[in-house]
N, C-alpha and C. Protein backbone atom coordinates (compact mmCIF):
# COMPACT_ATOMS: atom_id res chain seq x y z
N MET A 1 0.93 -1.25 -0.03
CA MET A 1 0.00 -0.04 0.00
C MET A 1 0.92 1.32 -0.03
N ILE A 2 0.69 2.10 -0.93
CA ILE A 2 1.44 3.39 -1.14
C ILE A 2 0.53 4.44 -0.65
N GLU A 3 1.22 5.29 0.37
CA GLU A 3 0.57 6.57 0.70
C GLU A 3 1.17 7.67 0.13
N TYR A 4 0.35 8.52 -0.53
CA TYR A 4 0.75 9.79 -1.25
C TYR A 4 0.44 11.00 -0.48
N LEU A 5 1.48 11.85 -0.35
CA LEU A 5 1.30 13.13 0.58
C LEU A 5 2.00 14.26 -0.06
N VAL A 6 1.61 15.39 0.47
CA VAL A 6 2.28 16.68 0.13
C VAL A 6 2.97 17.01 1.36
N GLU A 7 4.34 17.07 1.35
CA GLU A 7 5.07 17.26 2.61
C GLU A 7 6.06 18.46 2.40
N PRO A 8 5.52 19.67 2.73
CA PRO A 8 6.49 20.83 2.70
C PRO A 8 7.62 20.81 3.59
N ASN A 9 7.58 19.96 4.63
CA ASN A 9 8.62 19.91 5.68
C ASN A 9 9.36 18.63 5.58
N LEU A 10 9.53 18.07 4.35
CA LEU A 10 10.25 16.90 4.15
C LEU A 10 11.67 16.98 4.67
N SER A 11 12.20 15.86 5.18
CA SER A 11 13.57 15.81 5.73
C SER A 11 14.57 15.68 4.59
N VAL A 12 15.56 16.56 4.78
CA VAL A 12 16.63 16.52 3.65
C VAL A 12 17.30 15.15 3.62
N ASP A 13 17.49 14.54 4.81
CA ASP A 13 18.03 13.19 4.69
C ASP A 13 17.18 12.05 4.00
N GLU A 14 15.80 12.28 4.23
CA GLU A 14 14.97 11.23 3.41
C GLU A 14 15.11 11.53 2.01
N TYR A 15 15.08 12.86 1.53
CA TYR A 15 15.22 13.13 0.14
C TYR A 15 16.47 12.57 -0.35
N ARG A 16 17.72 12.84 0.29
CA ARG A 16 18.96 12.35 -0.20
C ARG A 16 18.75 10.86 -0.41
N GLU A 17 18.36 10.14 0.65
CA GLU A 17 18.32 8.69 0.48
C GLU A 17 17.52 8.18 -0.68
N VAL A 18 16.31 8.79 -0.90
CA VAL A 18 15.59 8.27 -1.97
C VAL A 18 16.16 8.64 -3.44
N LEU A 19 16.83 9.71 -3.56
CA LEU A 19 17.73 10.05 -4.63
C LEU A 19 18.74 8.85 -5.04
N ILE A 20 19.33 8.41 -3.86
CA ILE A 20 20.29 7.36 -3.97
C ILE A 20 19.73 6.19 -4.48
N ARG A 21 18.61 5.70 -3.66
CA ARG A 21 17.98 4.58 -4.14
C ARG A 21 17.15 4.34 -5.38
N SER A 22 17.04 5.72 -6.12
CA SER A 22 16.44 5.81 -7.38
C SER A 22 17.44 5.73 -8.51
N GLU A 23 18.63 6.02 -8.19
CA GLU A 23 19.72 6.36 -9.19
C GLU A 23 19.74 7.67 -9.60
N LEU A 24 18.95 8.46 -9.25
CA LEU A 24 18.81 10.00 -9.67
C LEU A 24 20.07 10.58 -8.99
N ALA A 25 20.63 10.08 -7.99
CA ALA A 25 21.76 10.68 -7.34
C ALA A 25 22.96 10.98 -8.26
N GLU A 26 23.16 10.16 -9.38
CA GLU A 26 24.14 10.36 -10.13
C GLU A 26 24.07 11.74 -10.99
N ARG A 27 22.79 12.37 -10.79
CA ARG A 27 22.66 13.56 -11.52
C ARG A 27 22.39 14.69 -10.49
N ARG A 28 22.41 14.44 -9.18
CA ARG A 28 22.08 15.52 -8.23
C ARG A 28 23.33 15.52 -7.26
N PRO A 29 23.45 16.83 -6.50
CA PRO A 29 24.46 16.85 -5.55
C PRO A 29 24.33 16.28 -4.26
N VAL A 30 24.16 15.11 -4.11
CA VAL A 30 23.97 14.24 -2.91
C VAL A 30 24.99 14.57 -1.91
N ASP A 31 26.27 14.92 -2.31
CA ASP A 31 27.23 15.02 -1.26
C ASP A 31 27.46 16.52 -0.83
N ASP A 32 26.44 17.29 -1.10
CA ASP A 32 26.46 18.66 -0.78
C ASP A 32 25.17 18.99 -0.06
N LEU A 33 25.28 18.88 1.34
CA LEU A 33 24.17 18.84 2.06
C LEU A 33 23.42 20.24 2.10
N GLU A 34 24.42 21.29 2.03
CA GLU A 34 23.71 22.74 1.89
C GLU A 34 22.87 22.89 0.74
N LYS A 35 23.45 22.46 -0.45
CA LYS A 35 22.61 22.57 -1.74
C LYS A 35 21.43 21.76 -1.67
N LEU A 36 21.54 20.59 -1.12
CA LEU A 36 20.35 19.69 -0.98
C LEU A 36 19.31 20.34 -0.09
N THR A 37 19.70 20.94 0.91
CA THR A 37 18.81 21.61 1.85
C THR A 37 18.01 22.78 1.10
N LYS A 38 18.61 23.64 0.36
CA LYS A 38 18.11 24.62 -0.40
C LYS A 38 17.27 24.14 -1.50
N MET A 39 17.45 23.08 -2.04
CA MET A 39 16.65 22.39 -3.09
C MET A 39 15.21 22.00 -2.43
N VAL A 40 15.30 21.26 -1.26
CA VAL A 40 14.15 20.81 -0.67
C VAL A 40 13.27 22.04 -0.12
N ARG A 41 14.03 23.05 0.65
CA ARG A 41 13.34 24.15 1.23
C ARG A 41 12.62 25.20 0.45
N ASN A 42 13.28 25.25 -0.81
CA ASN A 42 12.88 26.31 -1.80
C ASN A 42 11.82 25.72 -2.84
N ALA A 43 11.51 24.43 -2.63
CA ALA A 43 10.61 23.86 -3.63
C ALA A 43 9.19 24.29 -3.19
N ASP A 44 8.31 24.54 -4.21
CA ASP A 44 6.92 24.86 -4.01
C ASP A 44 6.03 23.70 -3.75
N ILE A 45 6.44 22.50 -4.30
CA ILE A 45 5.52 21.30 -4.08
C ILE A 45 6.52 20.13 -3.81
N LEU A 46 6.20 19.44 -2.89
CA LEU A 46 6.98 18.18 -2.63
C LEU A 46 5.89 17.19 -2.34
N CYS A 47 5.66 16.35 -3.51
CA CYS A 47 4.79 15.31 -3.52
C CYS A 47 5.54 14.02 -3.11
N THR A 48 5.16 13.25 -2.22
CA THR A 48 5.81 12.02 -1.83
C THR A 48 4.99 10.71 -1.97
N ALA A 49 5.69 9.68 -1.85
CA ALA A 49 5.05 8.26 -1.94
C ALA A 49 5.78 7.58 -0.80
N ARG A 50 5.15 6.96 0.09
CA ARG A 50 5.48 6.21 1.26
C ARG A 50 4.93 4.79 1.29
N SER A 51 5.74 3.90 1.62
CA SER A 51 5.43 2.46 1.86
C SER A 51 5.73 2.15 3.39
N ALA A 52 4.78 1.94 4.16
CA ALA A 52 5.01 1.53 5.53
C ALA A 52 5.95 2.78 6.26
N GLY A 53 5.64 3.97 5.74
CA GLY A 53 6.32 5.08 6.42
C GLY A 53 7.65 5.44 5.68
N GLN A 54 8.14 4.61 4.88
CA GLN A 54 9.44 4.78 4.20
C GLN A 54 9.15 5.68 2.97
N LEU A 55 10.05 6.76 2.77
CA LEU A 55 9.92 7.38 1.56
C LEU A 55 10.36 6.49 0.41
N VAL A 56 9.56 6.41 -0.60
CA VAL A 56 9.96 5.48 -1.67
C VAL A 56 9.84 6.29 -3.05
N GLY A 57 9.21 7.64 -2.92
CA GLY A 57 9.16 8.20 -4.24
C GLY A 57 9.00 9.75 -3.94
N ILE A 58 9.29 10.66 -4.71
CA ILE A 58 9.24 12.03 -4.69
C ILE A 58 9.06 12.84 -5.88
N ALA A 59 8.31 13.76 -6.07
CA ALA A 59 8.27 14.79 -7.17
C ALA A 59 8.50 16.10 -6.51
N ARG A 60 9.53 16.78 -6.85
CA ARG A 60 9.88 18.04 -6.35
C ARG A 60 9.76 18.98 -7.36
N SER A 61 9.00 20.05 -7.24
CA SER A 61 8.60 21.07 -8.18
C SER A 61 8.53 22.54 -7.72
N MET A 62 8.69 23.39 -8.69
CA MET A 62 8.63 24.86 -8.64
C MET A 62 7.53 25.30 -9.39
N THR A 63 6.69 26.20 -8.94
CA THR A 63 5.46 26.67 -9.68
C THR A 63 5.05 28.00 -9.41
N ASP A 64 4.39 28.65 -10.33
CA ASP A 64 3.81 30.01 -9.96
C ASP A 64 2.30 29.80 -9.66
N PHE A 65 1.80 28.53 -9.68
CA PHE A 65 0.31 28.11 -9.56
C PHE A 65 -0.68 28.92 -10.56
N ALA A 66 -0.04 29.51 -11.58
CA ALA A 66 -0.85 30.21 -12.46
C ALA A 66 -0.69 29.86 -13.99
N HIS A 67 0.52 29.54 -14.26
CA HIS A 67 0.78 29.39 -15.71
C HIS A 67 1.75 28.19 -15.93
N ALA A 68 2.85 27.98 -15.05
CA ALA A 68 3.82 26.96 -15.18
C ALA A 68 4.34 26.37 -14.03
N THR A 69 4.59 24.99 -14.14
CA THR A 69 5.02 24.12 -13.23
C THR A 69 6.39 23.37 -13.69
N TYR A 70 7.35 23.57 -13.03
CA TYR A 70 8.60 22.77 -13.44
C TYR A 70 8.84 21.53 -12.47
N LEU A 71 8.71 20.30 -12.90
CA LEU A 71 8.98 19.21 -12.14
C LEU A 71 10.49 18.99 -12.13
N ALA A 72 11.22 19.35 -11.23
CA ALA A 72 12.72 19.16 -11.22
C ALA A 72 13.33 17.90 -10.92
N ASP A 73 12.52 17.01 -10.08
CA ASP A 73 12.93 15.76 -9.60
C ASP A 73 11.68 14.85 -9.59
N LEU A 74 11.92 13.66 -10.23
CA LEU A 74 10.94 12.57 -10.14
C LEU A 74 11.88 11.39 -9.78
N ALA A 75 11.74 10.97 -8.59
CA ALA A 75 12.62 9.79 -8.15
C ALA A 75 11.86 8.72 -7.46
N VAL A 76 11.84 7.56 -7.82
CA VAL A 76 11.22 6.43 -7.29
C VAL A 76 12.33 5.29 -6.90
N ASP A 77 12.32 4.96 -5.66
CA ASP A 77 13.25 3.94 -5.29
C ASP A 77 13.21 2.76 -6.22
N GLN A 78 14.39 2.12 -6.62
CA GLN A 78 14.36 1.21 -7.72
C GLN A 78 13.58 -0.05 -7.24
N ALA A 79 13.48 -0.35 -6.00
CA ALA A 79 12.67 -1.45 -5.59
C ALA A 79 11.28 -1.38 -5.65
N PHE A 80 10.87 -0.13 -5.96
CA PHE A 80 9.37 0.12 -6.01
C PHE A 80 8.90 0.67 -7.37
N GLN A 81 9.90 0.72 -8.38
CA GLN A 81 9.56 1.13 -9.80
C GLN A 81 8.65 0.05 -10.39
N LYS A 82 8.03 0.53 -11.60
CA LYS A 82 7.20 -0.19 -12.37
C LYS A 82 5.86 -0.66 -11.60
N GLN A 83 5.47 0.25 -10.71
CA GLN A 83 4.21 0.07 -9.98
C GLN A 83 3.33 1.12 -10.11
N GLY A 84 3.53 2.16 -11.04
CA GLY A 84 2.77 3.32 -11.32
C GLY A 84 3.02 4.43 -10.15
N ILE A 85 4.01 4.42 -9.52
CA ILE A 85 4.24 5.45 -8.56
C ILE A 85 4.71 6.77 -9.21
N GLY A 86 5.64 6.67 -10.16
CA GLY A 86 6.04 7.87 -10.79
C GLY A 86 4.88 8.53 -11.55
N ARG A 87 4.11 7.81 -12.14
CA ARG A 87 2.90 8.37 -12.95
C ARG A 87 2.01 9.06 -11.84
N GLU A 88 1.73 8.39 -10.60
CA GLU A 88 0.87 8.99 -9.58
C GLU A 88 1.41 10.34 -9.00
N LEU A 89 2.66 10.28 -8.86
CA LEU A 89 3.38 11.54 -8.37
C LEU A 89 3.20 12.62 -9.40
N ILE A 90 3.47 12.35 -10.64
CA ILE A 90 3.33 13.36 -11.62
C ILE A 90 1.90 13.93 -11.61
N ALA A 91 0.88 13.03 -11.60
CA ALA A 91 -0.60 13.46 -11.57
C ALA A 91 -0.96 14.30 -10.33
N ARG A 92 -0.46 13.89 -9.15
CA ARG A 92 -0.68 14.57 -7.90
C ARG A 92 0.01 15.95 -7.96
N THR A 93 1.19 15.98 -8.43
CA THR A 93 1.91 17.34 -8.52
C THR A 93 1.08 18.26 -9.44
N HIS A 94 0.70 17.84 -10.54
CA HIS A 94 -0.05 18.69 -11.53
C HIS A 94 -1.39 19.13 -10.83
N GLU A 95 -2.06 18.27 -10.10
CA GLU A 95 -3.35 18.50 -9.35
C GLU A 95 -3.03 19.58 -8.33
N VAL A 96 -2.04 19.48 -7.60
CA VAL A 96 -1.71 20.63 -6.53
C VAL A 96 -1.37 21.89 -7.17
N ALA A 97 -0.57 21.74 -8.27
CA ALA A 97 -0.15 23.06 -8.89
C ALA A 97 -1.30 23.65 -9.73
N GLY A 98 -2.15 22.80 -10.19
CA GLY A 98 -3.36 23.35 -10.97
C GLY A 98 -3.18 22.91 -12.31
N LYS A 99 -4.24 22.10 -12.77
CA LYS A 99 -4.24 21.62 -14.22
C LYS A 99 -4.16 22.75 -15.25
N HIS A 100 -4.50 23.89 -14.86
CA HIS A 100 -4.30 25.14 -15.82
C HIS A 100 -2.90 25.43 -16.09
N THR A 101 -1.92 24.89 -15.35
CA THR A 101 -0.50 25.16 -15.46
C THR A 101 0.03 24.04 -16.53
N ILE A 102 1.03 24.48 -17.22
CA ILE A 102 1.82 23.56 -18.05
C ILE A 102 2.76 22.88 -17.08
N LEU A 103 2.85 21.60 -17.17
CA LEU A 103 3.92 20.79 -16.39
C LEU A 103 5.11 20.35 -17.37
N LEU A 104 6.24 20.77 -16.89
CA LEU A 104 7.32 20.50 -17.81
C LEU A 104 8.42 20.03 -16.97
N LEU A 105 9.44 19.23 -17.64
CA LEU A 105 10.49 18.70 -16.95
C LEU A 105 11.67 18.54 -18.02
N LEU A 106 12.84 18.27 -17.49
CA LEU A 106 13.96 17.83 -18.31
C LEU A 106 14.33 16.54 -17.86
N ALA A 107 14.25 15.57 -18.94
CA ALA A 107 14.42 14.08 -18.44
C ALA A 107 15.85 13.76 -18.46
N ALA A 108 16.11 12.87 -17.36
CA ALA A 108 17.57 12.37 -17.30
C ALA A 108 17.63 11.41 -18.51
N PRO A 109 18.67 11.24 -19.14
CA PRO A 109 18.94 10.48 -20.26
C PRO A 109 18.45 9.00 -20.17
N LYS A 110 18.67 8.34 -18.95
CA LYS A 110 18.10 7.07 -18.74
C LYS A 110 16.55 6.97 -18.51
N ALA A 111 16.03 8.14 -18.27
CA ALA A 111 14.63 8.21 -18.14
C ALA A 111 13.69 8.64 -19.32
N ALA A 112 14.40 9.08 -20.37
CA ALA A 112 13.74 9.75 -21.45
C ALA A 112 12.59 8.79 -21.95
N SER A 113 12.77 7.49 -22.09
CA SER A 113 11.84 6.70 -22.68
C SER A 113 10.63 6.56 -21.83
N TYR A 114 10.60 6.88 -20.53
CA TYR A 114 9.62 6.68 -19.67
C TYR A 114 8.45 7.72 -19.83
N TYR A 115 8.91 8.98 -20.04
CA TYR A 115 7.70 10.08 -20.07
C TYR A 115 6.67 9.87 -21.09
N PRO A 116 6.94 9.46 -22.30
CA PRO A 116 5.90 9.17 -23.34
C PRO A 116 4.91 8.18 -22.77
N HIS A 117 5.53 7.23 -22.04
CA HIS A 117 4.75 6.06 -21.53
C HIS A 117 3.64 6.57 -20.50
N VAL A 118 3.89 7.69 -19.81
CA VAL A 118 2.93 8.22 -18.85
C VAL A 118 2.24 9.55 -19.29
N GLY A 119 2.18 9.64 -20.66
CA GLY A 119 1.34 10.63 -21.39
C GLY A 119 1.98 11.94 -21.61
N MET A 120 3.24 12.06 -21.44
CA MET A 120 3.74 13.45 -21.64
C MET A 120 4.37 13.53 -23.01
N GLU A 121 4.21 14.70 -23.65
CA GLU A 121 4.69 15.02 -24.94
C GLU A 121 6.13 15.55 -25.03
N LYS A 122 6.83 15.17 -25.93
CA LYS A 122 8.23 15.60 -26.12
C LYS A 122 8.10 17.06 -26.72
N HIS A 123 8.96 17.94 -26.40
CA HIS A 123 8.93 19.28 -26.87
C HIS A 123 10.36 19.69 -27.35
N ASP A 124 10.53 20.04 -28.57
CA ASP A 124 11.85 20.09 -29.00
C ASP A 124 12.59 21.60 -28.80
N SER A 125 11.81 22.56 -28.24
CA SER A 125 12.53 23.76 -28.08
C SER A 125 12.80 24.21 -26.75
N CYS A 126 13.67 23.42 -26.21
CA CYS A 126 14.12 23.76 -24.85
C CYS A 126 15.47 24.40 -24.92
N TRP A 127 15.71 25.35 -24.28
CA TRP A 127 17.02 26.04 -24.33
C TRP A 127 17.50 26.18 -22.78
N ILE A 128 18.81 26.14 -22.53
CA ILE A 128 19.38 26.19 -21.15
C ILE A 128 20.57 27.00 -21.17
N ILE A 129 20.86 27.58 -20.09
CA ILE A 129 22.30 28.13 -19.65
C ILE A 129 22.90 27.13 -18.81
N PRO A 130 23.75 26.37 -19.13
CA PRO A 130 24.40 25.46 -18.14
C PRO A 130 25.02 26.07 -16.80
N ARG A 131 25.06 25.18 -15.80
CA ARG A 131 25.61 25.76 -14.43
C ARG A 131 27.01 25.95 -14.68
N GLU A 132 27.54 26.79 -13.82
CA GLU A 132 28.97 27.25 -13.88
C GLU A 132 29.61 26.33 -12.79
């Protein structure tokens, strides 16, 4: 049984651990506690999935609740993947932000084939300024 919650006061340690168990840690600064803390505390929406109290999934997003929602992290513990948890976290995030907002994300290369499977459309005109 998976329990889905919105947890604005999520523990940074739990966030870090689920990143590691999902493999998203290879693309996130899991060894920089200060940066992870800012990532969690400055998110507008933290949707979580828990099994018997253990954090097994997270969707971390920033939004203006009016026009756009950026889903910055979608991470599901490898032991809990392929159970619809990611799909449900996306749906709940969009519900909290408002379905009138566009929900967008940048896919990790390993996850790029997942997003069409859950109903997301690829958009070819994304532009970035890389981190320094």
